[in-house]
């Protein structure tokens, strides 16, 4: 591939890149694990990076797990990681509402129990988790009972998403001053074997369509996810590397924040995808072209072990 971007990271290129950064941000699924199995060599890479003095963080758009749940999974798969190093959208959404929005009220939550836990951990009350079955007549739905203390609608992944939840979100958002926040816009959740299921972006777009307004999202590629990490650990953008398997979220986040970027080919995106973006001539698509790529982050092992 021509040009100074999207070079294969190997041999003599690896050590200079690692020496140029103090912090590495990793996406999780497709990068350090697939499902419930660690990518071969990934735990050793993470652990050696930390042993060499690098700060390592885990940034994921998955809103179905708390920081502790992620830390427990990391430990079970052999990664040396703490809860404070995990930045998922359940936690980041709670921090966004608390620190940026300075929310004074409850949240109507279309989301998971993990999101409820992270909201409550920062002192934000919520309502909405769990099924919301159809009740009453259609003519009454616009007058559904609402909690007067709700001042924001937050949409994440919700296996109980339904027409009544969509309607309730619309009624809250019809009230003046109600905030509207989404965890992320990923339209599909990739599964093993090339399969996929609808992602949070599908639910968020349904609410946006009904409410006729757009949500502020906090997950990748929005800069807030990096800012959330940087504000707590004093990171320097030009000394950070973002490692991910998706061009439209992970690599775009790195581009949006001025970070170095590395695509790993163990997940969603391919070098051909990156090449198409680079050759498109579109400025926005250029942001999805990584600086480097590797077959797997295990490709970093020789340089770390040397």
C-alpha atoms as a PDB file:
ATOM      1  CA  UNK A   1       0.000   0.000   0.000  1.00  0.00           C
ATOM      2  CA  UNK A   2       1.465   3.355  -1.022  1.00  0.00           C
ATOM      3  CA  UNK A   3       1.887   6.410   1.151  1.00  0.00           C
ATOM      4  CA  UNK A   4       3.192   6.951   4.651  1.00  0.00           C
ATOM      5  CA  UNK A   5       0.104   5.523   6.359  1.00  0.00           C
ATOM      6  CA  UNK A   6      -1.097   1.951   6.799  1.00  0.00           C
ATOM      7  CA  UNK A   7       2.353   0.434   6.811  1.00  0.00           C
ATOM      8  CA  UNK A   8       2.813  -3.108   8.005  1.00  0.00           C
ATOM      9  CA  UNK A   9       4.345  -2.908  11.471  1.00  0.00           C
ATOM     10  CA  UNK A  10       7.180  -5.405  11.575  1.00  0.00           C
ATOM     11  CA  UNK A  11      10.901  -5.791  12.062  1.00  0.00           C
ATOM     12  CA  UNK A  12      12.795  -2.568  12.633  1.00  0.00           C
ATOM     13  CA  UNK A  13       9.596  -0.459  12.764  1.00  0.00           C
ATOM     14  CA  UNK A  14       8.229  -1.989  15.981  1.00  0.00           C
ATOM     15  CA  UNK A  15      10.719  -0.803  18.595  1.00  0.00           C
ATOM     16  CA  UNK A  16      10.783   2.868  17.457  1.00  0.00           C
ATOM     17  CA  UNK A  17       6.969   2.985  17.595  1.00  0.00           C
ATOM     18  CA  UNK A  18       6.859   1.482  21.092  1.00  0.00           C
ATOM     19  CA  UNK A  19       9.620   3.839  22.247  1.00  0.00           C
ATOM     20  CA  UNK A  20       7.601   6.809  20.950  1.00  0.00           C
ATOM     21  CA  UNK A  21       4.603   6.146  23.232  1.00  0.00           C
ATOM     22  CA  UNK A  22       3.995   6.070  26.980  1.00  0.00           C
ATOM     23  CA  UNK A  23       0.391   4.861  26.773  1.00  0.00           C
ATOM     24  CA  UNK A  24      -1.448   2.235  24.717  1.00  0.00           C
ATOM     25  CA  UNK A  25      -5.237   2.101  24.430  1.00  0.00           C
ATOM     26  CA  UNK A  26      -6.677  -1.246  23.383  1.00  0.00           C
ATOM     27  CA  UNK A  27     -10.097  -2.127  22.082  1.00  0.00           C
ATOM     28  CA  UNK A  28     -11.139  -5.513  23.473  1.00  0.00           C
ATOM     29  CA  UNK A  29     -13.259  -7.848  21.335  1.00  0.00           C
ATOM     30  CA  UNK A  30     -11.400  -8.720  18.146  1.00  0.00           C
ATOM     31  CA  UNK A  31      -8.158  -7.234  19.459  1.00  0.00           C
ATOM     32  CA  UNK A  32      -7.181  -8.943  22.714  1.00  0.00           C
ATOM     33  CA  UNK A  33      -9.911 -11.585  22.770  1.00  0.00           C
ATOM     34  CA  UNK A  34     -12.614 -13.164  20.644  1.00  0.00           C
ATOM     35  CA  UNK A  35     -15.681 -14.095  22.632  1.00  0.00           C
ATOM     36  CA  UNK A  36     -14.362 -15.899  25.709  1.00  0.00           C
ATOM     37  CA  UNK A  37     -10.935 -16.780  24.305  1.00  0.00           C
ATOM     38  CA  UNK A  38      -7.847 -14.582  24.454  1.00  0.00           C
ATOM     39  CA  UNK A  39      -6.129 -13.857  21.147  1.00  0.00           C
ATOM     40  CA  UNK A  40      -2.973 -16.028  21.242  1.00  0.00           C
ATOM     41  CA  UNK A  41      -0.102 -13.970  22.623  1.00  0.00           C
ATOM     42  CA  UNK A  42      -2.326 -11.039  23.673  1.00  0.00           C
ATOM     43  CA  UNK A  43      -1.954 -11.483  27.459  1.00  0.00           C
ATOM     44  CA  UNK A  44       1.838 -11.599  27.116  1.00  0.00           C
ATOM     45  CA  UNK A  45       1.838  -8.407  25.002  1.00  0.00           C
ATOM     46  CA  UNK A  46      -0.309  -6.511  27.513  1.00  0.00           C
ATOM     47  CA  UNK A  47       1.661  -7.741  30.508  1.00  0.00           C
ATOM     48  CA  UNK A  48       5.059  -7.009  28.936  1.00  0.00           C
ATOM     49  CA  UNK A  49       3.951  -3.513  27.921  1.00  0.00           C
ATOM     50  CA  UNK A  50       3.044  -2.809  31.537  1.00  0.00           C
ATOM     51  CA  UNK A  51       6.260  -4.356  32.827  1.00  0.00           C
ATOM     52  CA  UNK A  52       8.191  -2.024  30.520  1.00  0.00           C
ATOM     53  CA  UNK A  53       6.500   0.983  32.121  1.00  0.00           C
ATOM     54  CA  UNK A  54       3.763   1.680  29.592  1.00  0.00           C
ATOM     55  CA  UNK A  55       0.310   2.734  30.751  1.00  0.00           C
ATOM     56  CA  UNK A  56      -2.311   0.411  29.278  1.00  0.00           C
ATOM     57  CA  UNK A  57      -6.054   1.048  29.062  1.00  0.00           C
ATOM     58  CA  UNK A  58      -8.996  -0.874  27.660  1.00  0.00           C
ATOM     59  CA  UNK A  59     -11.590   1.175  25.752  1.00  0.00           C
ATOM     60  CA  UNK A  60     -14.742  -0.560  24.543  1.00  0.00           C
ATOM     61  CA  UNK A  61     -18.107   0.494  23.154  1.00  0.00           C
ATOM     62  CA  UNK A  62     -19.773  -2.490  24.833  1.00  0.00           C
ATOM     63  CA  UNK A  63     -22.258  -1.123  27.397  1.00  0.00           C
ATOM     64  CA  UNK A  64     -23.386  -4.469  28.812  1.00  0.00           C
ATOM     65  CA  UNK A  65     -20.561  -4.824  31.349  1.00  0.00           C
ATOM     66  CA  UNK A  66     -19.311  -2.775  34.292  1.00  0.00           C
ATOM     67  CA  UNK A  67     -15.646  -1.949  34.752  1.00  0.00           C
ATOM     68  CA  UNK A  68     -15.393  -4.670  37.394  1.00  0.00           C
ATOM     69  CA  UNK A  69     -16.948  -7.258  35.080  1.00  0.00           C
ATOM     70  CA  UNK A  70     -14.344  -6.408  32.442  1.00  0.00           C
ATOM     71  CA  UNK A  71     -11.505  -6.504  34.966  1.00  0.00           C
ATOM     72  CA  UNK A  72     -12.667  -9.941  36.127  1.00  0.00           C
ATOM     73  CA  UNK A  73     -12.753 -11.213  32.527  1.00  0.00           C
ATOM     74  CA  UNK A  74      -9.302  -9.786  31.822  1.00  0.00           C
ATOM     75  CA  UNK A  75      -7.895 -11.507  34.898  1.00  0.00           C
ATOM     76  CA  UNK A  76      -9.530 -14.820  33.983  1.00  0.00           C
ATOM     77  CA  UNK A  77      -7.887 -14.698  30.543  1.00  0.00           C
ATOM     78  CA  UNK A  78      -4.433 -13.985  31.944  1.00  0.00           C
ATOM     79  CA  UNK A  79      -4.209 -10.208  31.566  1.00  0.00           C
ATOM     80  CA  UNK A  80      -2.768  -8.103  34.394  1.00  0.00           C
ATOM     81  CA  UNK A  81      -5.377  -5.337  34.578  1.00  0.00           C
ATOM     82  CA  UNK A  82      -7.249  -3.292  37.151  1.00  0.00           C
ATOM     83  CA  UNK A  83     -10.787  -1.955  37.174  1.00  0.00           C
ATOM     84  CA  UNK A  84      -9.448   1.617  36.896  1.00  0.00           C
ATOM     85  CA  UNK A  85      -7.839   0.788  33.533  1.00  0.00           C
ATOM     86  CA  UNK A  86     -11.174  -0.144  31.927  1.00  0.00           C
ATOM     87  CA  UNK A  87     -13.223   2.496  30.112  1.00  0.00           C
ATOM     88  CA  UNK A  88     -16.444   1.062  28.689  1.00  0.00           C
ATOM     89  CA  UNK A  89     -19.436   3.071  27.521  1.00  0.00           C
ATOM     90  CA  UNK A  90     -21.482   2.112  30.590  1.00  0.00           C
ATOM     91  CA  UNK A  91     -18.949   3.939  32.780  1.00  0.00           C
ATOM     92  CA  UNK A  92     -18.152   6.722  30.304  1.00  0.00           C
ATOM     93  CA  UNK A  93     -21.844   7.551  29.828  1.00  0.00           C
ATOM     94  CA  UNK A  94     -22.254   7.917  33.578  1.00  0.00           C
ATOM     95  CA  UNK A  95     -19.183  10.168  33.719  1.00  0.00           C
ATOM     96  CA  UNK A  96     -20.441  12.241  30.783  1.00  0.00           C
ATOM     97  CA  UNK A  97     -23.799  12.885  32.446  1.00  0.00           C
ATOM     98  CA  UNK A  98     -22.141  13.688  35.769  1.00  0.00           C
ATOM     99  CA  UNK A  99     -19.156  15.820  34.683  1.00  0.00           C
ATOM    100  CA  UNK A 100     -20.119  17.360  31.337  1.00  0.00           C
ATOM    101  CA  UNK A 101     -23.904  17.615  31.578  1.00  0.00           C
ATOM    102  CA  UNK A 102     -23.889  18.070  35.370  1.00  0.00           C
ATOM    103  CA  UNK A 103     -27.212  16.291  35.386  1.00  0.00           C
ATOM    104  CA  UNK A 104     -29.580  17.275  38.181  1.00  0.00           C
ATOM    105  CA  UNK A 105     -32.236  14.596  38.004  1.00  0.00           C
ATOM    106  CA  UNK A 106     -32.891  11.007  37.008  1.00  0.00           C
ATOM    107  CA  UNK A 107     -32.134   9.181  33.748  1.00  0.00           C
ATOM    108  CA  UNK A 108     -34.618   7.237  31.661  1.00  0.00           C
ATOM    109  CA  UNK A 109     -32.358   4.339  30.722  1.00  0.00           C
ATOM    110  CA  UNK A 110     -32.745   2.148  27.666  1.00  0.00           C
ATOM    111  CA  UNK A 111     -29.854  -0.119  28.548  1.00  0.00           C
ATOM    112  CA  UNK A 112     -28.382  -2.877  30.654  1.00  0.00           C
ATOM    113  CA  UNK A 113     -28.140  -3.603  34.383  1.00  0.00           C
ATOM    114  CA  UNK A 114     -24.418  -2.785  34.037  1.00  0.00           C
ATOM    115  CA  UNK A 115     -25.315   0.724  32.901  1.00  0.00           C
ATOM    116  CA  UNK A 116     -27.647   1.073  35.873  1.00  0.00           C
ATOM    117  CA  UNK A 117     -24.819   0.056  38.214  1.00  0.00           C
ATOM    118  CA  UNK A 118     -22.371   2.558  36.708  1.00  0.00           C
ATOM    119  CA  UNK A 119     -24.929   5.382  36.890  1.00  0.00           C
ATOM    120  CA  UNK A 120     -25.742   4.602  40.506  1.00  0.00           C
ATOM    121  CA  UNK A 121     -22.017   4.412  41.341  1.00  0.00           C
ATOM    122  CA  UNK A 122     -21.660   8.110  40.460  1.00  0.00           C
ATOM    123  CA  UNK A 123     -24.880   9.061  42.246  1.00  0.00           C
ATOM    124  CA  UNK A 124     -27.305   9.149  39.310  1.00  0.00           C
ATOM    125  CA  UNK A 125     -30.683   7.481  39.739  1.00  0.00           C
ATOM    126  CA  UNK A 126     -32.370   5.805  36.794  1.00  0.00           C
ATOM    127  CA  UNK A 127     -35.591   4.206  35.696  1.00  0.00           C
ATOM    128  CA  UNK A 128     -36.350   1.921  32.779  1.00  0.00           C
ATOM    129  CA  UNK A 129     -34.128  -1.179  33.016  1.00  0.00           C
ATOM    130  CA  UNK A 130     -35.963  -4.415  32.159  1.00  0.00           C
ATOM    131  CA  UNK A 131     -39.027  -5.226  30.039  1.00  0.00           C
ATOM    132  CA  UNK A 132     -41.715  -2.600  29.381  1.00  0.00           C
ATOM    133  CA  UNK A 133     -44.714  -4.576  28.073  1.00  0.00           C
ATOM    134  CA  UNK A 134     -47.504  -3.018  26.034  1.00  0.00           C
ATOM    135  CA  UNK A 135     -50.339  -1.749  28.216  1.00  0.00           C
ATOM    136  CA  UNK A 136     -53.478   0.314  27.727  1.00  0.00           C
ATOM    137  CA  UNK A 137     -54.986   1.477  24.449  1.00  0.00           C
ATOM    138  CA  UNK A 138     -53.027   3.023  21.602  1.00  0.00           C
ATOM    139  CA  UNK A 139     -54.884   6.286  22.162  1.00  0.00           C
ATOM    140  CA  UNK A 140     -53.431   6.400  25.695  1.00  0.00           C
ATOM    141  CA  UNK A 141     -49.788   5.753  24.812  1.00  0.00           C
ATOM    142  CA  UNK A 142     -48.934   9.428  24.308  1.00  0.00           C
ATOM    143  CA  UNK A 143     -50.069   9.994  27.902  1.00  0.00           C
ATOM    144  CA  UNK A 144     -48.029   7.175  29.424  1.00  0.00           C
ATOM    145  CA  UNK A 145     -47.003   7.762  33.032  1.00  0.00           C
ATOM    146  CA  UNK A 146     -43.645   9.571  33.281  1.00  0.00           C
ATOM    147  CA  UNK A 147     -41.301  10.158  36.206  1.00  0.00           C
ATOM    148  CA  UNK A 148     -41.196  13.956  36.723  1.00  0.00           C
ATOM    149  CA  UNK A 149     -37.615  13.724  38.010  1.00  0.00           C
ATOM    150  CA  UNK A 150     -36.257  12.353  34.710  1.00  0.00           C
ATOM    151  CA  UNK A 151     -34.090  14.980  32.996  1.00  0.00           C
ATOM    152  CA  UNK A 152     -32.200  12.812  30.479  1.00  0.00           C
ATOM    153  CA  UNK A 153     -32.662   9.824  28.175  1.00  0.00           C
ATOM    154  CA  UNK A 154     -29.687   7.477  27.826  1.00  0.00           C
ATOM    155  CA  UNK A 155     -29.683   4.766  25.145  1.00  0.00           C
ATOM    156  CA  UNK A 156     -27.316   1.800  25.221  1.00  0.00           C
ATOM    157  CA  UNK A 157     -27.624  -1.863  24.294  1.00  0.00           C
ATOM    158  CA  UNK A 158     -30.912  -3.225  25.626  1.00  0.00           C
ATOM    159  CA  UNK A 159     -32.081  -6.771  24.972  1.00  0.00           C
ATOM    160  CA  UNK A 160     -35.551  -5.690  26.143  1.00  0.00           C
ATOM    161  CA  UNK A 161     -35.865  -2.826  23.643  1.00  0.00           C
ATOM    162  CA  UNK A 162     -39.526  -2.497  22.646  1.00  0.00           C
ATOM    163  CA  UNK A 163     -42.166  -0.256  21.152  1.00  0.00           C
ATOM    164  CA  UNK A 164     -43.203   0.930  24.607  1.00  0.00           C
ATOM    165  CA  UNK A 165     -39.605   1.872  25.494  1.00  0.00           C
ATOM    166  CA  UNK A 166     -39.350   3.757  22.229  1.00  0.00           C
ATOM    167  CA  UNK A 167     -42.603   5.536  23.012  1.00  0.00           C
ATOM    168  CA  UNK A 168     -41.580   6.365  26.569  1.00  0.00           C
ATOM    169  CA  UNK A 169     -38.277   7.819  25.344  1.00  0.00           C
ATOM    170  CA  UNK A 170     -40.186   9.966  22.840  1.00  0.00           C
ATOM    171  CA  UNK A 171     -42.465  11.322  25.559  1.00  0.00           C
ATOM    172  CA  UNK A 172     -39.510  12.238  27.796  1.00  0.00           C
ATOM    173  CA  UNK A 173     -37.619  13.857  24.934  1.00  0.00           C
ATOM    174  CA  UNK A 174     -40.706  15.882  24.029  1.00  0.00           C
ATOM    175  CA  UNK A 175     -40.267  17.705  27.331  1.00  0.00           C
ATOM    176  CA  UNK A 176     -38.259  20.910  27.193  1.00  0.00           C
ATOM    177  CA  UNK A 177     -34.667  20.607  28.338  1.00  0.00           C
ATOM    178  CA  UNK A 178     -34.511  16.806  28.414  1.00  0.00           C
ATOM    179  CA  UNK A 179     -30.969  15.653  27.552  1.00  0.00           C
ATOM    180  CA  UNK A 180     -30.412  12.912  24.971  1.00  0.00           C
ATOM    181  CA  UNK A 181     -27.282  10.727  25.166  1.00  0.00           C
ATOM    182  CA  UNK A 182     -26.288   7.497  23.422  1.00  0.00           C
ATOM    183  CA  UNK A 183     -23.463   5.124  24.253  1.00  0.00           C
ATOM    184  CA  UNK A 184     -22.367   4.498  20.652  1.00  0.00           C
ATOM    185  CA  UNK A 185     -23.526   4.126  17.052  1.00  0.00           C
ATOM    186  CA  UNK A 186     -22.216   0.644  16.179  1.00  0.00           C
ATOM    187  CA  UNK A 187     -24.941  -0.746  13.925  1.00  0.00           C
ATOM    188  CA  UNK A 188     -23.882  -4.394  14.156  1.00  0.00           C
ATOM    189  CA  UNK A 189     -22.280  -6.621  16.777  1.00  0.00           C
ATOM    190  CA  UNK A 190     -19.952  -9.062  14.983  1.00  0.00           C
ATOM    191  CA  UNK A 191     -20.013 -12.673  16.139  1.00  0.00           C
ATOM    192  CA  UNK A 192     -17.864 -15.707  15.440  1.00  0.00           C
ATOM    193  CA  UNK A 193     -18.151 -17.249  11.989  1.00  0.00           C
ATOM    194  CA  UNK A 194     -18.827 -13.958  10.238  1.00  0.00           C
ATOM    195  CA  UNK A 195     -22.287 -13.598  11.757  1.00  0.00           C
ATOM    196  CA  UNK A 196     -23.687 -10.453  13.375  1.00  0.00           C
ATOM    197  CA  UNK A 197     -26.656  -9.155  15.366  1.00  0.00           C
ATOM    198  CA  UNK A 198     -28.107  -5.603  15.496  1.00  0.00           C
ATOM    199  CA  UNK A 199     -26.055  -3.212  17.620  1.00  0.00           C
ATOM    200  CA  UNK A 200     -26.831  -0.207  19.801  1.00  0.00           C
ATOM    201  CA  UNK A 201     -26.789   2.126  16.807  1.00  0.00           C
ATOM    202  CA  UNK A 202     -30.002   0.535  15.547  1.00  0.00           C
ATOM    203  CA  UNK A 203     -31.786   1.244  18.837  1.00  0.00           C
ATOM    204  CA  UNK A 204     -30.386   4.763  19.062  1.00  0.00           C
ATOM    205  CA  UNK A 205     -31.423   5.604  15.523  1.00  0.00           C
ATOM    206  CA  UNK A 206     -34.964   4.387  16.232  1.00  0.00           C
ATOM    207  CA  UNK A 207     -35.223   6.764  19.212  1.00  0.00           C
ATOM    208  CA  UNK A 208     -33.704   9.620  17.190  1.00  0.00           C
ATOM    209  CA  UNK A 209     -36.218   9.014  14.407  1.00  0.00           C
ATOM    210  CA  UNK A 210     -39.156   9.009  16.817  1.00  0.00           C
ATOM    211  CA  UNK A 211     -37.973  12.046  18.792  1.00  0.00           C
ATOM    212  CA  UNK A 212     -36.805  13.931  15.690  1.00  0.00           C
ATOM    213  CA  UNK A 213     -33.584  14.970  17.401  1.00  0.00           C
ATOM    214  CA  UNK A 214     -30.038  13.625  17.560  1.00  0.00           C
ATOM    215  CA  UNK A 215     -28.278  12.195  20.586  1.00  0.00           C
ATOM    216  CA  UNK A 216     -24.810  13.104  21.791  1.00  0.00           C
ATOM    217  CA  UNK A 217     -22.770   9.897  21.785  1.00  0.00           C
ATOM    218  CA  UNK A 218     -19.897   9.202  24.177  1.00  0.00           C
ATOM    219  CA  UNK A 219     -18.331   6.042  22.729  1.00  0.00           C
ATOM    220  CA  UNK A 220     -15.749   5.624  19.991  1.00  0.00           C
ATOM    221  CA  UNK A 221     -15.079   7.465  17.716  1.00  0.00           C
ATOM    222  CA  UNK A 222     -16.239  10.383  19.917  1.00  0.00           C
ATOM    223  CA  UNK A 223     -13.318  12.147  21.582  1.00  0.00           C
ATOM    224  CA  UNK A 224     -14.958  11.974  25.014  1.00  0.00           C
ATOM    225  CA  UNK A 225     -13.859   8.382  25.494  1.00  0.00           C
ATOM    226  CA  UNK A 226     -10.198   9.386  25.191  1.00  0.00           C
ATOM    227  CA  UNK A 227     -10.769  12.553  27.214  1.00  0.00           C
ATOM    228  CA  UNK A 228     -12.293  10.453  29.995  1.00  0.00           C
ATOM    229  CA  UNK A 229      -9.063   8.447  30.224  1.00  0.00           C
ATOM    230  CA  UNK A 230      -6.749  11.429  29.739  1.00  0.00           C
ATOM    231  CA  UNK A 231      -8.443  13.562  32.400  1.00  0.00           C
ATOM    232  CA  UNK A 232      -7.851  10.880  35.032  1.00  0.00           C
ATOM    233  CA  UNK A 233      -4.308   9.868  34.074  1.00  0.00           C
ATOM    234  CA  UNK A 234      -2.778  13.005  32.538  1.00  0.00           C
ATOM    235  CA  UNK A 235      -2.022  11.512  29.120  1.00  0.00           C
ATOM    236  CA  UNK A 236      -0.266  13.315  26.293  1.00  0.00           C
ATOM    237  CA  UNK A 237      -1.887  12.789  22.893  1.00  0.00           C
ATOM    238  CA  UNK A 238       1.387  12.624  20.971  1.00  0.00           C
ATOM    239  CA  UNK A 239       2.636   9.843  23.281  1.00  0.00           C
ATOM    240  CA  UNK A 240      -0.411   7.569  22.908  1.00  0.00           C
ATOM    241  CA  UNK A 241      -1.156   4.642  20.590  1.00  0.00           C
ATOM    242  CA  UNK A 242      -4.703   3.436  19.822  1.00  0.00           C
ATOM    243  CA  UNK A 243      -4.969  -0.253  18.872  1.00  0.00           C
ATOM    244  CA  UNK A 244      -8.202  -1.571  17.379  1.00  0.00           C
ATOM    245  CA  UNK A 245      -9.839  -3.828  14.816  1.00  0.00           C
ATOM    246  CA  UNK A 246     -12.459  -1.386  13.487  1.00  0.00           C
ATOM    247  CA  UNK A 247     -11.634   1.524  11.229  1.00  0.00           C
ATOM    248  CA  UNK A 248     -14.863   3.454  11.853  1.00  0.00           C
ATOM    249  CA  UNK A 249     -14.600   3.410  15.655  1.00  0.00           C
ATOM    250  CA  UNK A 250     -11.110   2.560  16.940  1.00  0.00           C
ATOM    251  CA  UNK A 251      -8.952   4.105  14.224  1.00  0.00           C
ATOM    252  CA  UNK A 252     -11.290   7.082  13.809  1.00  0.00           C
ATOM    253  CA  UNK A 253     -11.077   7.733  17.562  1.00  0.00           C
ATOM    254  CA  UNK A 254      -7.298   7.818  17.279  1.00  0.00           C
ATOM    255  CA  UNK A 255      -7.478  10.198  14.324  1.00  0.00           C
ATOM    256  CA  UNK A 256     -10.007  12.443  16.071  1.00  0.00           C
ATOM    257  CA  UNK A 257      -7.715  12.726  19.091  1.00  0.00           C
ATOM    258  CA  UNK A 258      -4.368  13.007  17.317  1.00  0.00           C
ATOM    259  CA  UNK A 259      -3.107   9.611  18.497  1.00  0.00           C
ATOM    260  CA  UNK A 260      -0.918   7.122  16.664  1.00  0.00           C
ATOM    261  CA  UNK A 261      -3.055   4.258  15.342  1.00  0.00           C
ATOM    262  CA  UNK A 262      -2.553   0.529  14.820  1.00  0.00           C
ATOM    263  CA  UNK A 263      -5.054  -1.795  13.119  1.00  0.00           C
ATOM    264  CA  UNK A 264      -5.026  -5.462  14.048  1.00  0.00           C
ATOM    265  CA  UNK A 265      -6.495  -7.886  11.524  1.00  0.00           C
ATOM    266  CA  UNK A 266      -7.950 -10.324  14.080  1.00  0.00           C
ATOM    267  CA  UNK A 267     -11.361  -8.611  14.078  1.00  0.00           C
ATOM    268  CA  UNK A 268     -13.636  -6.679  11.736  1.00  0.00           C
ATOM    269  CA  UNK A 269     -11.712  -4.452   9.318  1.00  0.00           C
ATOM    270  CA  UNK A 270      -9.184  -5.393   6.631  1.00  0.00           C
ATOM    271  CA  UNK A 271      -6.247  -3.747   4.896  1.00  0.00           C
ATOM    272  CA  UNK A 272      -8.424  -3.611   1.766  1.00  0.00           C
ATOM    273  CA  UNK A 273     -10.970  -1.561   3.715  1.00  0.00           C
ATOM    274  CA  UNK A 274      -8.256   0.863   4.788  1.00  0.00           C
ATOM    275  CA  UNK A 275      -6.909   1.062   1.239  1.00  0.00           C
ATOM    276  CA  UNK A 276     -10.358   1.960  -0.068  1.00  0.00           C
ATOM    277  CA  UNK A 277     -10.620   4.767   2.469  1.00  0.00           C
ATOM    278  CA  UNK A 278      -7.157   6.066   1.616  1.00  0.00           C
ATOM    279  CA  UNK A 279      -7.864   6.098  -2.111  1.00  0.00           C
ATOM    280  CA  UNK A 280     -11.322   7.668  -1.743  1.00  0.00           C
ATOM    281  CA  UNK A 281     -10.112  11.263  -1.611  1.00  0.00           C
ATOM    282  CA  UNK A 282     -12.701  11.886   1.126  1.00  0.00           C
ATOM    283  CA  UNK A 283     -11.328  13.763   4.147  1.00  0.00           C
ATOM    284  CA  UNK A 284     -13.604  11.966   6.613  1.00  0.00           C
ATOM    285  CA  UNK A 285     -12.619   8.541   5.270  1.00  0.00           C
ATOM    286  CA  UNK A 286      -8.943   9.481   5.564  1.00  0.00           C
ATOM    287  CA  UNK A 287      -9.496   9.502   9.326  1.00  0.00           C
ATOM    288  CA  UNK A 288     -10.202   5.757   9.112  1.00  0.00           C
ATOM    289  CA  UNK A 289      -6.766   4.959   7.670  1.00  0.00           C
ATOM    290  CA  UNK A 290      -4.404   3.617  10.370  1.00  0.00           C
ATOM    291  CA  UNK A 291      -0.748   4.534  10.665  1.00  0.00           C
ATOM    292  CA  UNK A 292       0.190   0.844  10.921  1.00  0.00           C
ATOM    293  CA  UNK A 293      -1.341  -2.617  10.808  1.00  0.00           C
ATOM    294  CA  UNK A 294      -0.426  -6.059  12.142  1.00  0.00           C
ATOM    295  CA  UNK A 295      -1.901  -9.505  11.617  1.00  0.00           C
ATOM    296  CA  UNK A 296      -2.270  -9.779  15.404  1.00  0.00           C
ATOM    297  CA  UNK A 297      -0.964  -7.839  18.374  1.00  0.00           C
ATOM    298  CA  UNK A 298       1.121 -10.940  19.050  1.00  0.00           C
ATOM    299  CA  UNK A 299       3.331  -9.536  16.279  1.00  0.00           C
ATOM    300  CA  UNK A 300       4.655  -7.106  18.929  1.00  0.00           C
ATOM    301  CA  UNK A 301       6.011  -9.927  21.101  1.00  0.00           C
ATOM    302  CA  UNK A 302       9.513 -10.263  19.584  1.00  0.00           C
ATOM    303  CA  UNK A 303      10.260  -6.584  20.168  1.00  0.00           C
ATOM    304  CA  UNK A 304       8.924  -6.746  23.736  1.00  0.00           C
ATOM    305  CA  UNK A 305      10.834  -9.903  24.559  1.00  0.00           C
ATOM    306  CA  UNK A 306      14.103  -8.694  23.011  1.00  0.00           C
END
